Amino acid sequence: MKVYNASPLSGNITTNDAGRNEMSKDGFLMLLAAELQHQDPLNAGDSSQYIDQMAQFSTLEELTNLNNSIGTILNSEKFQQGSLMIGKTAMVVNSDGTYDQGIVSSVRLEDREVDIVIGDKEYDVDNVVQLQNEGSGNIAL
């Protein structure tokens, strides 16, 4: 039996929040290509395994597309939410736990992040903790 050296899949395996290792789509394709390239022609293996792997890849691709679509919808929702804040006084919490307050002048969408602009600073729309119309009561978020 021949033994082949396997090249490392560096950069293609990541650790998720739960601490498990996950292979990227590119890593999966590299592994599949290496498997097909180095199979024994006299013992090609079961074609159902190949079909199963292709089905898994197809499922992975569709889940990736679905995830991207949901992200786009979420950003649209956040952008709309930020647009409704323009002209209102917003209180936002900073990463250090302090608060800033001011009138929202605009909304920015950059690199899939939605920020509101207060003065010359940008804040994540998710960090708004209170919103107030001029001349009316507070609305806690």
Protein backbone atom coordinates (compact mmCIF):
# COMPACT_ATOMS: atom_id res chain seq x y z
CA MET A 1 0.00 0.00 0.00
CA LYS A 2 1.35 3.40 -0.95
CA VAL A 3 1.33 6.19 1.61
CA TYR A 4 1.18 9.78 0.42
CA ASN A 5 2.25 12.85 2.33
CA ALA A 6 -0.68 15.05 3.13
CA SER A 7 -0.20 18.78 2.83
CA PRO A 8 -1.56 20.73 5.78
CA LEU A 9 -4.87 22.55 5.42
CA SER A 10 -3.61 25.62 7.25
CA GLY A 11 -6.09 28.45 7.26
CA ASN A 12 -8.95 26.20 6.26
CA ILE A 13 -9.91 24.95 9.69
CA THR A 14 -11.38 27.39 12.19
CA THR A 15 -12.62 27.12 15.73
CA ASN A 16 -16.19 28.21 16.33
CA ASP A 17 -17.65 29.77 19.50
CA ALA A 18 -18.31 26.35 21.01
CA GLY A 19 -14.64 25.39 20.61
CA ARG A 20 -15.24 22.83 17.85
CA ASN A 21 -13.11 22.77 14.74
CA GLU A 22 -14.91 23.51 11.49
CA MET A 23 -13.56 23.16 7.98
CA SER A 24 -14.14 25.96 5.51
CA LYS A 25 -15.70 25.40 2.12
CA ASP A 26 -12.27 25.75 0.48
CA GLY A 27 -10.80 23.21 2.87
CA PHE A 28 -13.58 20.76 2.05
CA LEU A 29 -12.93 21.15 -1.68
CA MET A 30 -9.18 20.71 -1.23
CA LEU A 31 -9.75 17.54 0.78
CA LEU A 32 -12.21 16.17 -1.79
CA ALA A 33 -9.83 16.96 -4.67
CA ALA A 34 -6.90 15.31 -2.86
CA GLU A 35 -9.03 12.24 -2.17
CA LEU A 36 -10.00 11.92 -5.83
CA GLN A 37 -6.45 12.59 -7.01
CA HIS A 38 -4.86 9.94 -4.81
CA GLN A 39 -7.41 7.15 -5.00
CA ASP A 40 -6.28 3.73 -6.15
CA PRO A 41 -7.51 3.23 -9.76
CA LEU A 42 -7.84 -0.52 -9.19
CA ASN A 43 -9.97 0.06 -6.11
CA ALA A 44 -11.78 3.28 -6.94
CA GLY A 45 -14.14 3.07 -4.01
CA ASP A 46 -17.84 3.25 -3.71
CA SER A 47 -19.51 5.81 -5.98
CA SER A 48 -22.21 6.36 -3.36
CA GLN A 49 -19.56 7.87 -1.06
CA TYR A 50 -18.65 10.35 -3.77
CA ILE A 51 -22.33 11.19 -4.31
CA ASP A 52 -22.79 11.64 -0.55
CA GLN A 53 -19.83 14.01 -0.41
CA MET A 54 -21.14 16.03 -3.34
CA ALA A 55 -24.55 16.24 -1.65
CA GLN A 56 -22.86 17.46 1.53
CA PHE A 57 -20.98 20.07 -0.44
CA SER A 58 -24.16 21.18 -2.20
CA THR A 59 -25.89 21.50 1.17
CA LEU A 60 -22.94 23.50 2.52
CA GLU A 61 -23.07 25.84 -0.48
CA GLU A 62 -26.81 26.42 -0.10
CA LEU A 63 -26.47 27.06 3.65
CA THR A 64 -23.73 29.59 2.93
CA ASN A 65 -25.96 31.34 0.39
CA LEU A 66 -28.87 31.31 2.85
CA ASN A 67 -26.66 32.77 5.57
CA ASN A 68 -25.56 35.58 3.23
CA SER A 69 -29.17 36.32 2.28
CA ILE A 70 -30.27 36.49 5.91
CA GLY A 71 -27.34 38.82 6.65
CA THR A 72 -28.43 41.12 3.82
CA ILE A 73 -32.01 41.19 5.11
CA LEU A 74 -30.80 41.91 8.64
CA ASN A 75 -28.63 44.79 7.42
CA SER A 76 -31.58 46.24 5.48
CA GLU A 77 -33.68 46.09 8.64
CA LYS A 78 -30.94 47.75 10.69
CA PHE A 79 -30.48 50.45 8.04
CA GLN A 80 -34.20 51.17 8.06
CA GLN A 81 -34.17 51.29 11.85
CA GLY A 82 -31.25 53.74 11.78
CA SER A 83 -32.96 55.88 9.14
CA LEU A 84 -35.96 56.31 11.43
CA MET A 85 -33.60 57.71 14.10
CA ILE A 86 -32.43 60.65 11.96
CA GLY A 87 -33.34 63.94 13.63
CA LYS A 88 -34.00 62.29 16.99
CA THR A 89 -31.88 62.39 20.13
CA ALA A 90 -30.24 59.04 20.76
CA MET A 91 -28.32 57.75 23.77
CA VAL A 92 -25.76 55.10 22.92
CA VAL A 93 -23.63 52.90 25.15
CA ASN A 94 -19.92 52.72 24.35
CA SER A 95 -17.78 49.60 24.64
CA ASP A 96 -16.36 50.90 27.94
CA GLY A 97 -19.85 51.26 29.45
CA THR A 98 -20.07 55.05 29.18
CA TYR A 99 -22.90 56.81 27.37
CA ASP A 100 -22.96 59.42 24.62
CA GLN A 101 -26.01 61.39 23.58
CA GLY A 102 -26.82 63.59 20.61
CA ILE A 103 -28.97 64.14 17.56
CA VAL A 104 -28.64 61.50 14.84
CA SER A 105 -27.63 63.24 11.61
CA SER A 106 -27.20 60.28 9.24
CA VAL A 107 -26.84 56.53 8.82
CA ARG A 108 -23.89 54.71 7.23
CA LEU A 109 -23.69 51.21 5.80
CA GLU A 110 -20.12 50.05 5.32
CA ASP A 111 -18.69 46.52 5.28
CA ARG A 112 -22.04 45.05 6.36
CA GLU A 113 -22.07 47.28 9.46
CA VAL A 114 -24.82 49.84 10.07
CA ASP A 115 -23.79 52.92 12.05
CA ILE A 116 -25.62 56.07 13.06
CA VAL A 117 -23.74 59.38 13.06
CA ILE A 118 -23.99 61.70 16.06
CA GLY A 119 -21.82 64.79 15.69
CA ASP A 120 -18.57 63.55 14.18
CA LYS A 121 -18.71 60.04 15.68
CA GLU A 122 -20.22 56.81 14.38
CA TYR A 123 -22.01 54.32 16.64
CA ASP A 124 -23.36 50.86 15.94
CA VAL A 125 -27.13 51.06 15.61
CA ASP A 126 -27.40 48.14 18.05
CA ASN A 127 -25.82 50.27 20.80
CA VAL A 128 -28.74 52.72 20.98
CA VAL A 129 -30.34 52.37 24.42
CA GLN A 130 -32.70 55.35 24.38
CA LEU A 131 -34.38 57.41 21.70
CA GLN A 132 -36.18 60.72 22.16
CA ASN A 133 -38.18 62.86 19.76
CA GLU A 134 -37.51 66.55 20.15
CA GLY A 135 -40.10 67.95 22.56
CA SER A 136 -41.50 64.58 23.66
CA GLY A 137 -40.81 61.83 26.20
CA ASN A 138 -38.13 59.16 26.20
CA ILE A 139 -38.48 55.83 24.46
CA ALA A 140 -36.39 53.11 26.11
CA LEU A 141 -35.02 50.49 23.72
